[in-house]
Protein backbone atom coordinates (compact mmCIF):
# COMPACT_ATOMS: atom_id res chain seq x y z
CA MET A 1 30.43 -0.15 -54.17
CA ASN A 2 27.03 -1.38 -54.61
CA ILE A 3 25.55 2.24 -53.07
CA LEU A 4 27.03 4.25 -55.48
CA ILE A 5 25.93 3.08 -58.25
CA VAL A 6 22.73 3.00 -56.11
CA LEU A 7 23.25 6.03 -55.22
CA ILE A 8 24.07 6.96 -58.83
CA VAL A 9 20.39 5.01 -60.57
CA LEU A 10 19.22 7.15 -58.18
CA SER A 11 19.57 10.25 -58.95
CA GLY A 12 19.53 9.18 -62.90
CA VAL A 13 15.77 8.34 -61.76
CA ALA A 14 15.18 11.80 -60.06
CA PHE A 15 16.84 14.09 -62.90
CA LEU A 16 14.49 12.18 -65.82
CA CYS A 17 11.62 12.72 -63.31
CA GLY A 18 11.74 16.69 -62.38
CA LEU A 19 13.27 16.80 -66.56
CA LEU A 20 10.18 14.99 -67.75
CA TYR A 21 7.96 17.54 -64.79
CA LEU A 22 9.36 20.54 -66.30
CA ARG A 23 8.01 19.40 -69.72
CA PHE A 24 4.78 19.10 -68.37
CA GLN A 25 4.50 22.28 -67.28
CA ASP A 26 5.28 23.70 -70.57
CA ILE A 27 3.58 21.60 -71.76
CA ALA A 28 0.52 23.00 -69.59
CA ARG A 29 1.78 26.36 -69.94
CA LYS A 30 1.50 26.89 -74.12
CA ARG A 31 -1.90 25.00 -73.69
CA GLU A 32 -3.01 28.28 -71.43
CA LEU A 33 -0.94 30.94 -73.33
CA ASP A 34 -2.64 29.16 -76.64
CA ASP A 35 -7.19 29.05 -74.94
CA ALA A 36 -6.44 32.66 -74.41
CA LEU A 37 -5.42 33.43 -77.12
CA SER A 38 -8.03 32.17 -78.80
CA ASP A 39 -10.21 33.47 -75.90
CA ALA A 40 -8.44 37.11 -77.54
CA ARG A 41 -8.83 36.77 -80.96
CA ARG A 42 -11.97 36.04 -80.86
CA TRP A 43 -13.49 38.67 -79.25
CA VAL A 44 -11.24 40.76 -82.03
CA GLU A 45 -12.04 38.96 -84.69
CA ARG A 46 -15.62 40.13 -83.67
CA LEU A 47 -14.90 42.93 -82.91
CA ALA A 48 -13.64 43.61 -86.25
CA GLY A 49 -16.80 42.36 -87.74
CA GLN A 50 -19.03 45.23 -85.71
CA VAL A 51 -16.08 47.90 -87.27
CA ALA A 52 -16.00 47.30 -90.62
CA HIS A 53 -19.85 47.09 -91.32
CA LEU A 54 -21.33 50.21 -88.65
CA LEU A 55 -21.33 53.61 -90.31
CA GLY A 56 -22.34 56.32 -88.48
CA THR A 57 -25.28 58.94 -89.46
CA ASN A 58 -24.59 61.36 -86.39
CA ALA A 59 -21.80 62.80 -85.06
CA PRO A 60 -22.16 60.89 -81.30
CA ALA A 61 -21.79 57.80 -83.20
CA LYS A 62 -19.24 58.32 -85.98
CA GLN A 63 -17.24 59.87 -82.68
CA ALA A 64 -17.87 56.16 -80.75
CA LEU A 65 -17.43 54.22 -83.74
CA ALA A 66 -14.07 56.31 -84.27
CA ALA A 67 -12.58 54.93 -81.02
CA ALA A 68 -14.07 51.30 -81.49
CA SER A 69 -12.19 51.59 -84.15
CA GLU A 70 -8.62 52.75 -82.48
CA ARG A 71 -9.34 49.76 -79.96
CA PHE A 72 -9.44 47.22 -82.49
CA THR A 73 -6.34 48.68 -84.06
CA LEU A 74 -5.11 48.70 -80.90
CA ALA A 75 -5.91 44.75 -79.92
CA CYS A 76 -5.28 43.16 -82.98
CA SER A 77 -1.12 45.06 -82.51
CA ARG A 78 -1.96 43.49 -78.88
CA LEU A 79 -2.55 39.72 -80.03
CA ASP A 80 -0.31 40.06 -82.53
CA LEU A 81 2.72 41.13 -80.04
CA ALA A 82 1.24 38.48 -77.32
CA LYS A 83 3.41 35.92 -75.79
CA THR A 84 2.49 35.66 -71.96
CA VAL A 85 -1.28 35.21 -70.68
CA GLU A 86 -1.31 38.54 -69.07
CA GLN A 87 -0.93 40.10 -72.50
CA ALA A 88 -3.78 38.25 -74.81
CA GLY A 89 -5.68 39.18 -71.64
CA LEU A 90 -4.67 42.54 -72.03
CA ALA A 91 -5.98 42.31 -76.07
CA LYS A 92 -8.77 40.48 -74.22
CA GLN A 93 -10.20 44.06 -71.95
CA THR A 94 -9.04 46.13 -75.59
CA ALA A 95 -11.01 44.44 -77.41
CA LEU A 96 -13.66 44.48 -74.61
CA GLU A 97 -13.93 48.13 -74.24
CA GLY A 98 -13.82 48.58 -78.47
CA PHE A 99 -17.38 46.54 -78.15
CA HIS A 100 -18.64 49.62 -75.70
CA HIS A 101 -17.72 52.54 -77.63
CA ILE A 102 -19.66 49.96 -80.63
CA ARG A 103 -23.15 49.60 -77.86
CA ALA A 104 -21.82 53.43 -77.01
CA ALA A 105 -22.68 54.54 -81.08
CA ARG A 106 -25.09 51.98 -81.75
CA VAL A 107 -27.14 53.47 -78.72
CA ALA A 108 -26.40 57.26 -80.73
CA MET A 109 -28.06 56.46 -83.47
CA GLY A 110 -31.36 54.00 -82.10
CA LEU A 111 -30.22 50.55 -82.52
CA ASN A 112 -30.29 47.70 -80.17
CA PRO A 113 -26.82 48.48 -78.39
CA GLY A 114 -26.56 43.81 -78.85
CA PRO A 115 -25.79 41.33 -76.21
CA PRO A 116 -23.94 42.44 -73.04
CA LEU A 117 -20.52 42.05 -73.13
CA PRO A 118 -18.99 39.60 -69.89
CA GLU A 119 -18.01 41.91 -68.02
CA GLU A 120 -20.65 44.00 -67.52
CA ALA A 121 -22.39 42.40 -64.72
CA GLU A 122 -19.12 42.61 -62.85
CA ARG A 123 -18.84 46.16 -63.28
CA SER A 124 -21.69 47.02 -62.23
CA ARG A 125 -21.32 45.33 -59.10
CA ALA A 126 -17.61 46.47 -58.66
CA GLY A 127 -18.67 49.58 -57.36
CA GLY A 128 -21.81 48.81 -54.33
CA GLU A 129 -20.60 45.64 -53.19
CA VAL A 130 -17.99 43.88 -51.75
CA ALA A 131 -18.04 40.32 -50.40
CA GLY A 132 -21.71 40.94 -49.75
CA ARG A 133 -21.33 44.46 -47.74
CA ALA A 134 -21.97 47.77 -49.48
CA VAL A 135 -19.32 50.09 -49.70
CA PRO A 136 -19.85 53.27 -50.05
CA PRO A 137 -18.88 56.59 -52.21
CA ALA A 138 -15.37 57.83 -52.25
CA GLN A 139 -14.98 61.40 -50.07
CA VAL A 140 -11.78 62.58 -51.31
CA PRO A 141 -11.34 65.74 -49.88
CA ILE A 142 -11.12 68.75 -52.62
CA GLN A 143 -8.32 72.00 -51.89
CA SER A 144 -9.22 75.74 -52.97
CA LEU A 145 -6.64 75.80 -55.81
CA GLN A 146 -7.00 80.02 -55.53
CA ASN A 147 -5.46 81.49 -51.85
CA GLU A 148 -2.61 79.35 -52.26
CA SER A 149 0.42 80.87 -53.61
CA PRO A 150 3.75 79.08 -54.91
């Protein structure tokens, strides 16, 4: 009888420990999501300021600003719908794409492109090196479609 009481108490303690563990995991997940949403919101708000205050002076600048405006709208939509860290990351990535268009518009207008974006260093390295060794350009065979008949 004593063993049964001890087992019941131990199983109750184990159950409570499991509930506490799950609760702390939920809190950590929520905090991580809040951080990701905050970071994405910061970039979307910065993009909003650039889109609202720049006016294109030539056709390439107007086209780039239109593309940046589309990215801003998409980033806002993604940010509103984001329920996971990955979705918040997509909203941030969309806002950064908008900033690339803003930089292109500023260059087209003869203005300073502004500070470098956080992922530019990663993008410039992406084609050149992987794990410390040079990556040769991809060799893609080109097939002639003129001589082939369906």
